[in-house]
């Protein structure tokens, strides 16, 4: 298990998470900084939804694969959890649209819009630990037994993880790019059989 360090406001970072943030902050092009901003606004979407639903939050944890919001207090319904998960990608899509208004003004707006859109679409994939995966899981749990849902989610998650990995290989061979996506997909694959329940991405 990766060692996590506690920070301000309940934020916890793994060593890889801290390195990832450092790389994003010191990228001279600014694209990585816009990606970090998009990720923070994504998490703000979750936070605002939690406040609106009256769900207390304990903090954030972050590693190479992303950030996760940790809730505490009362039990929440599947519908509330679905809304909480959907709020992050929805915020990203909204900010992507807002950023597009300023495309002619600055290149940073283009990067911010693209980063927000890609982050939202990635998080909507039905992979366990992603927002989309938890949304699908909540929907299935309201209809089927948990043992059946666990099997369904493992199959669906494996399929979409394989697609991510195959896409990374394609981009690497075809365009000579995609090493980040390859590393990301391989990291997710390595955690595929982890029994811990990552609730929000």
C-alpha atoms as a PDB file:
ATOM      1  CA  UNK A   1       0.000   0.000   0.000  1.00  0.00           C
ATOM      2  CA  UNK A   2       1.315   3.449  -0.916  1.00  0.00           C
ATOM      3  CA  UNK A   3       2.363   5.667   1.963  1.00  0.00           C
ATOM      4  CA  UNK A   4       0.192   8.758   2.262  1.00  0.00           C
ATOM      5  CA  UNK A   5       1.182  12.017   3.888  1.00  0.00           C
ATOM      6  CA  UNK A   6      -1.345  14.199   5.683  1.00  0.00           C
ATOM      7  CA  UNK A   7      -1.501  17.835   4.613  1.00  0.00           C
ATOM      8  CA  UNK A   8      -3.612  20.916   5.129  1.00  0.00           C
ATOM      9  CA  UNK A   9      -7.429  20.785   5.243  1.00  0.00           C
ATOM     10  CA  UNK A  10      -7.498  16.992   5.457  1.00  0.00           C
ATOM     11  CA  UNK A  11      -5.633  16.546   2.177  1.00  0.00           C
ATOM     12  CA  UNK A  12      -3.411  13.461   1.915  1.00  0.00           C
ATOM     13  CA  UNK A  13      -0.880  12.782  -0.819  1.00  0.00           C
ATOM     14  CA  UNK A  14       0.987   9.648  -1.726  1.00  0.00           C
ATOM     15  CA  UNK A  15       4.606  10.125  -2.776  1.00  0.00           C
ATOM     16  CA  UNK A  16       3.632   9.591  -6.429  1.00  0.00           C
ATOM     17  CA  UNK A  17       0.765  12.068  -6.013  1.00  0.00           C
ATOM     18  CA  UNK A  18       3.138  14.720  -4.690  1.00  0.00           C
ATOM     19  CA  UNK A  19       5.542  14.093  -7.596  1.00  0.00           C
ATOM     20  CA  UNK A  20       2.668  14.329 -10.095  1.00  0.00           C
ATOM     21  CA  UNK A  21       1.571  17.705  -8.663  1.00  0.00           C
ATOM     22  CA  UNK A  22       5.188  18.984  -8.734  1.00  0.00           C
ATOM     23  CA  UNK A  23       5.521  18.002 -12.414  1.00  0.00           C
ATOM     24  CA  UNK A  24       2.239  19.728 -13.233  1.00  0.00           C
ATOM     25  CA  UNK A  25       3.251  22.944 -11.460  1.00  0.00           C
ATOM     26  CA  UNK A  26       6.673  23.258 -13.094  1.00  0.00           C
ATOM     27  CA  UNK A  27       5.691  22.450 -16.683  1.00  0.00           C
ATOM     28  CA  UNK A  28       6.868  25.512 -18.686  1.00  0.00           C
ATOM     29  CA  UNK A  29       4.150  25.203 -21.359  1.00  0.00           C
ATOM     30  CA  UNK A  30       1.315  25.819 -18.905  1.00  0.00           C
ATOM     31  CA  UNK A  31      -0.772  22.925 -20.222  1.00  0.00           C
ATOM     32  CA  UNK A  32      -0.121  20.817 -17.132  1.00  0.00           C
ATOM     33  CA  UNK A  33      -1.049  23.747 -14.897  1.00  0.00           C
ATOM     34  CA  UNK A  34      -4.383  24.029 -16.718  1.00  0.00           C
ATOM     35  CA  UNK A  35      -4.873  20.278 -16.199  1.00  0.00           C
ATOM     36  CA  UNK A  36      -4.287  20.711 -12.473  1.00  0.00           C
ATOM     37  CA  UNK A  37      -6.773  23.608 -12.398  1.00  0.00           C
ATOM     38  CA  UNK A  38      -9.338  21.456 -14.236  1.00  0.00           C
ATOM     39  CA  UNK A  39      -8.812  18.665 -11.682  1.00  0.00           C
ATOM     40  CA  UNK A  40      -9.280  21.083  -8.754  1.00  0.00           C
ATOM     41  CA  UNK A  41     -12.507  22.448 -10.250  1.00  0.00           C
ATOM     42  CA  UNK A  42     -13.679  18.856 -10.805  1.00  0.00           C
ATOM     43  CA  UNK A  43     -13.219  18.207  -7.077  1.00  0.00           C
ATOM     44  CA  UNK A  44     -14.967  21.488  -6.259  1.00  0.00           C
ATOM     45  CA  UNK A  45     -17.973  20.089  -8.115  1.00  0.00           C
ATOM     46  CA  UNK A  46     -17.997  17.139  -5.714  1.00  0.00           C
ATOM     47  CA  UNK A  47     -17.604  19.497  -2.736  1.00  0.00           C
ATOM     48  CA  UNK A  48     -20.489  21.737  -3.766  1.00  0.00           C
ATOM     49  CA  UNK A  49     -22.724  18.712  -4.311  1.00  0.00           C
ATOM     50  CA  UNK A  50     -21.779  17.358  -0.872  1.00  0.00           C
ATOM     51  CA  UNK A  51     -22.668  20.710   0.720  1.00  0.00           C
ATOM     52  CA  UNK A  52     -25.962  20.871  -1.174  1.00  0.00           C
ATOM     53  CA  UNK A  53     -26.853  17.317  -0.117  1.00  0.00           C
ATOM     54  CA  UNK A  54     -25.796  17.969   3.486  1.00  0.00           C
ATOM     55  CA  UNK A  55     -23.023  15.345   3.394  1.00  0.00           C
ATOM     56  CA  UNK A  56     -20.009  16.159   5.607  1.00  0.00           C
ATOM     57  CA  UNK A  57     -16.587  15.506   4.079  1.00  0.00           C
ATOM     58  CA  UNK A  58     -13.423  14.420   5.842  1.00  0.00           C
ATOM     59  CA  UNK A  59     -10.840  15.426   3.253  1.00  0.00           C
ATOM     60  CA  UNK A  60      -9.082  14.421   0.059  1.00  0.00           C
ATOM     61  CA  UNK A  61      -6.515  11.828  -0.799  1.00  0.00           C
ATOM     62  CA  UNK A  62      -4.423  12.012  -3.946  1.00  0.00           C
ATOM     63  CA  UNK A  63      -2.136   9.640  -5.783  1.00  0.00           C
ATOM     64  CA  UNK A  64      -0.934   9.280  -9.387  1.00  0.00           C
ATOM     65  CA  UNK A  65      -4.337   8.103 -10.611  1.00  0.00           C
ATOM     66  CA  UNK A  66      -6.185  11.112  -9.236  1.00  0.00           C
ATOM     67  CA  UNK A  67      -7.918  12.606  -6.225  1.00  0.00           C
ATOM     68  CA  UNK A  68     -10.634  11.104  -4.078  1.00  0.00           C
ATOM     69  CA  UNK A  69     -13.060  12.836  -1.758  1.00  0.00           C
ATOM     70  CA  UNK A  70     -13.648  11.113   1.563  1.00  0.00           C
ATOM     71  CA  UNK A  71     -17.053  11.603   3.173  1.00  0.00           C
ATOM     72  CA  UNK A  72     -18.015  11.015   6.779  1.00  0.00           C
ATOM     73  CA  UNK A  73     -21.073  11.117   8.975  1.00  0.00           C
ATOM     74  CA  UNK A  74     -24.456   9.795   7.980  1.00  0.00           C
ATOM     75  CA  UNK A  75     -25.167   7.009   5.527  1.00  0.00           C
ATOM     76  CA  UNK A  76     -26.098   8.262   2.095  1.00  0.00           C
ATOM     77  CA  UNK A  77     -28.503   6.733  -0.389  1.00  0.00           C
ATOM     78  CA  UNK A  78     -27.495   5.352  -3.779  1.00  0.00           C
ATOM     79  CA  UNK A  79     -29.216   8.321  -5.431  1.00  0.00           C
ATOM     80  CA  UNK A  80     -27.295  10.834  -3.286  1.00  0.00           C
ATOM     81  CA  UNK A  81     -24.032   9.071  -4.053  1.00  0.00           C
ATOM     82  CA  UNK A  82     -24.902   9.044  -7.759  1.00  0.00           C
ATOM     83  CA  UNK A  83     -25.467  12.818  -7.659  1.00  0.00           C
ATOM     84  CA  UNK A  84     -22.252  13.315  -5.688  1.00  0.00           C
ATOM     85  CA  UNK A  85     -20.255  11.351  -8.274  1.00  0.00           C
ATOM     86  CA  UNK A  86     -21.930  13.079 -11.237  1.00  0.00           C
ATOM     87  CA  UNK A  87     -21.156  16.558  -9.880  1.00  0.00           C
ATOM     88  CA  UNK A  88     -17.420  16.349 -10.669  1.00  0.00           C
ATOM     89  CA  UNK A  89     -17.713  15.482 -14.382  1.00  0.00           C
ATOM     90  CA  UNK A  90     -20.655  17.898 -14.736  1.00  0.00           C
ATOM     91  CA  UNK A  91     -18.510  20.722 -13.319  1.00  0.00           C
ATOM     92  CA  UNK A  92     -15.734  19.791 -15.747  1.00  0.00           C
ATOM     93  CA  UNK A  93     -18.067  19.858 -18.757  1.00  0.00           C
ATOM     94  CA  UNK A  94     -19.478  23.199 -17.624  1.00  0.00           C
ATOM     95  CA  UNK A  95     -16.015  24.755 -17.237  1.00  0.00           C
ATOM     96  CA  UNK A  96     -14.933  23.284 -20.593  1.00  0.00           C
ATOM     97  CA  UNK A  97     -17.846  25.115 -22.227  1.00  0.00           C
ATOM     98  CA  UNK A  98     -17.051  28.352 -20.361  1.00  0.00           C
ATOM     99  CA  UNK A  99     -13.377  28.122 -21.338  1.00  0.00           C
ATOM    100  CA  UNK A 100     -14.356  27.758 -24.999  1.00  0.00           C
ATOM    101  CA  UNK A 101     -15.778  31.313 -24.912  1.00  0.00           C
ATOM    102  CA  UNK A 102     -12.215  32.657 -24.524  1.00  0.00           C
ATOM    103  CA  UNK A 103     -10.500  30.468 -27.131  1.00  0.00           C
ATOM    104  CA  UNK A 104      -9.709  33.480 -29.353  1.00  0.00           C
ATOM    105  CA  UNK A 105      -8.247  35.423 -26.425  1.00  0.00           C
ATOM    106  CA  UNK A 106      -5.595  33.031 -25.136  1.00  0.00           C
ATOM    107  CA  UNK A 107      -4.094  29.592 -25.782  1.00  0.00           C
ATOM    108  CA  UNK A 108      -4.483  28.828 -22.082  1.00  0.00           C
ATOM    109  CA  UNK A 109      -8.276  28.875 -22.475  1.00  0.00           C
ATOM    110  CA  UNK A 110      -7.985  26.210 -25.196  1.00  0.00           C
ATOM    111  CA  UNK A 111      -5.779  24.044 -22.979  1.00  0.00           C
ATOM    112  CA  UNK A 112      -8.085  24.528 -19.994  1.00  0.00           C
ATOM    113  CA  UNK A 113     -11.181  23.608 -22.039  1.00  0.00           C
ATOM    114  CA  UNK A 114      -9.518  20.525 -23.517  1.00  0.00           C
ATOM    115  CA  UNK A 115      -8.170  19.409 -20.119  1.00  0.00           C
ATOM    116  CA  UNK A 116     -11.595  19.857 -18.472  1.00  0.00           C
ATOM    117  CA  UNK A 117     -13.370  17.993 -21.258  1.00  0.00           C
ATOM    118  CA  UNK A 118     -10.909  15.081 -21.345  1.00  0.00           C
ATOM    119  CA  UNK A 119     -10.862  14.789 -17.547  1.00  0.00           C
ATOM    120  CA  UNK A 120     -14.663  14.695 -17.439  1.00  0.00           C
ATOM    121  CA  UNK A 121     -14.943  12.096 -20.204  1.00  0.00           C
ATOM    122  CA  UNK A 122     -12.251   9.944 -18.585  1.00  0.00           C
ATOM    123  CA  UNK A 123     -14.010  10.092 -15.222  1.00  0.00           C
ATOM    124  CA  UNK A 124     -17.326   9.101 -16.797  1.00  0.00           C
ATOM    125  CA  UNK A 125     -15.867   5.771 -17.987  1.00  0.00           C
ATOM    126  CA  UNK A 126     -17.602   2.892 -16.139  1.00  0.00           C
ATOM    127  CA  UNK A 127     -14.419   1.780 -14.357  1.00  0.00           C
ATOM    128  CA  UNK A 128     -14.450   0.890 -10.682  1.00  0.00           C
ATOM    129  CA  UNK A 129     -12.987   3.808  -8.718  1.00  0.00           C
ATOM    130  CA  UNK A 130     -13.975   6.376 -11.378  1.00  0.00           C
ATOM    131  CA  UNK A 131     -17.041   8.597 -11.049  1.00  0.00           C
ATOM    132  CA  UNK A 132     -18.727   6.812 -13.947  1.00  0.00           C
ATOM    133  CA  UNK A 133     -17.982   3.420 -12.402  1.00  0.00           C
ATOM    134  CA  UNK A 134     -19.502   4.409  -9.082  1.00  0.00           C
ATOM    135  CA  UNK A 135     -22.552   5.933 -10.818  1.00  0.00           C
ATOM    136  CA  UNK A 136     -23.136   2.666 -12.681  1.00  0.00           C
ATOM    137  CA  UNK A 137     -22.517   0.669  -9.504  1.00  0.00           C
ATOM    138  CA  UNK A 138     -25.062   2.744  -7.547  1.00  0.00           C
ATOM    139  CA  UNK A 139     -27.630   2.236 -10.304  1.00  0.00           C
ATOM    140  CA  UNK A 140     -27.041  -1.532 -10.417  1.00  0.00           C
ATOM    141  CA  UNK A 141     -27.079  -1.887  -6.611  1.00  0.00           C
ATOM    142  CA  UNK A 142     -30.526  -0.328  -6.498  1.00  0.00           C
ATOM    143  CA  UNK A 143     -31.747  -3.081  -8.848  1.00  0.00           C
ATOM    144  CA  UNK A 144     -29.620  -6.205  -8.248  1.00  0.00           C
ATOM    145  CA  UNK A 145     -27.923  -8.160  -5.463  1.00  0.00           C
ATOM    146  CA  UNK A 146     -24.466  -6.958  -4.443  1.00  0.00           C
ATOM    147  CA  UNK A 147     -22.742 -10.223  -5.399  1.00  0.00           C
ATOM    148  CA  UNK A 148     -24.075  -9.928  -8.960  1.00  0.00           C
ATOM    149  CA  UNK A 149     -23.121  -6.248  -9.174  1.00  0.00           C
ATOM    150  CA  UNK A 150     -19.550  -7.009  -8.051  1.00  0.00           C
ATOM    151  CA  UNK A 151     -19.136  -9.502 -10.910  1.00  0.00           C
ATOM    152  CA  UNK A 152     -20.678  -7.145 -13.470  1.00  0.00           C
ATOM    153  CA  UNK A 153     -18.466  -4.243 -12.369  1.00  0.00           C
ATOM    154  CA  UNK A 154     -15.316  -6.365 -12.534  1.00  0.00           C
ATOM    155  CA  UNK A 155     -16.097  -7.396 -16.113  1.00  0.00           C
ATOM    156  CA  UNK A 156     -17.012  -3.887 -17.261  1.00  0.00           C
ATOM    157  CA  UNK A 157     -14.017  -2.322 -15.496  1.00  0.00           C
ATOM    158  CA  UNK A 158     -11.638  -4.850 -17.030  1.00  0.00           C
ATOM    159  CA  UNK A 159     -13.053  -4.218 -20.509  1.00  0.00           C
ATOM    160  CA  UNK A 160     -12.655  -0.429 -20.311  1.00  0.00           C
ATOM    161  CA  UNK A 161      -9.235  -0.674 -18.665  1.00  0.00           C
ATOM    162  CA  UNK A 162      -8.173  -2.913 -21.537  1.00  0.00           C
ATOM    163  CA  UNK A 163      -9.479  -0.292 -24.014  1.00  0.00           C
ATOM    164  CA  UNK A 164      -7.449   2.420 -22.248  1.00  0.00           C
ATOM    165  CA  UNK A 165      -4.335   0.240 -22.354  1.00  0.00           C
ATOM    166  CA  UNK A 166      -4.889  -0.678 -26.032  1.00  0.00           C
ATOM    167  CA  UNK A 167      -5.420   3.008 -26.914  1.00  0.00           C
ATOM    168  CA  UNK A 168      -2.147   3.901 -25.195  1.00  0.00           C
ATOM    169  CA  UNK A 169      -0.296   1.189 -27.139  1.00  0.00           C
ATOM    170  CA  UNK A 170      -1.872   2.422 -30.397  1.00  0.00           C
ATOM    171  CA  UNK A 171      -0.867   6.053 -29.795  1.00  0.00           C
ATOM    172  CA  UNK A 172       2.615   4.971 -28.748  1.00  0.00           C
ATOM    173  CA  UNK A 173       3.166   2.903 -31.912  1.00  0.00           C
ATOM    174  CA  UNK A 174       1.282   5.158 -34.326  1.00  0.00           C
ATOM    175  CA  UNK A 175       2.246   8.639 -33.148  1.00  0.00           C
ATOM    176  CA  UNK A 176       5.200   8.022 -30.850  1.00  0.00           C
ATOM    177  CA  UNK A 177       3.189   9.547 -28.016  1.00  0.00           C
ATOM    178  CA  UNK A 178       0.970   8.168 -25.267  1.00  0.00           C
ATOM    179  CA  UNK A 179       3.520   7.095 -22.658  1.00  0.00           C
ATOM    180  CA  UNK A 180       1.566   8.934 -19.931  1.00  0.00           C
ATOM    181  CA  UNK A 181      -1.655   7.147 -20.884  1.00  0.00           C
ATOM    182  CA  UNK A 182       0.207   3.833 -20.978  1.00  0.00           C
ATOM    183  CA  UNK A 183       1.658   4.377 -17.493  1.00  0.00           C
ATOM    184  CA  UNK A 184      -1.751   5.522 -16.216  1.00  0.00           C
ATOM    185  CA  UNK A 185      -3.574   2.481 -17.630  1.00  0.00           C
ATOM    186  CA  UNK A 186      -0.914   0.079 -16.330  1.00  0.00           C
ATOM    187  CA  UNK A 187      -1.183   1.657 -12.863  1.00  0.00           C
ATOM    188  CA  UNK A 188      -4.951   1.144 -12.948  1.00  0.00           C
ATOM    189  CA  UNK A 189      -4.488  -2.449 -14.098  1.00  0.00           C
ATOM    190  CA  UNK A 190      -2.138  -3.090 -11.181  1.00  0.00           C
ATOM    191  CA  UNK A 191      -4.885  -1.970  -8.804  1.00  0.00           C
ATOM    192  CA  UNK A 192      -7.687  -3.783 -10.582  1.00  0.00           C
ATOM    193  CA  UNK A 193      -7.816  -6.649  -8.101  1.00  0.00           C
ATOM    194  CA  UNK A 194      -7.422  -4.405  -5.070  1.00  0.00           C
ATOM    195  CA  UNK A 195     -10.240  -5.088  -2.632  1.00  0.00           C
ATOM    196  CA  UNK A 196     -10.392  -1.583  -1.200  1.00  0.00           C
ATOM    197  CA  UNK A 197     -13.433   0.441  -2.268  1.00  0.00           C
ATOM    198  CA  UNK A 198     -12.402   3.750  -3.872  1.00  0.00           C
ATOM    199  CA  UNK A 199     -15.597   5.703  -3.574  1.00  0.00           C
ATOM    200  CA  UNK A 200     -15.029   8.885  -5.589  1.00  0.00           C
ATOM    201  CA  UNK A 201     -12.631   9.843  -8.548  1.00  0.00           C
END
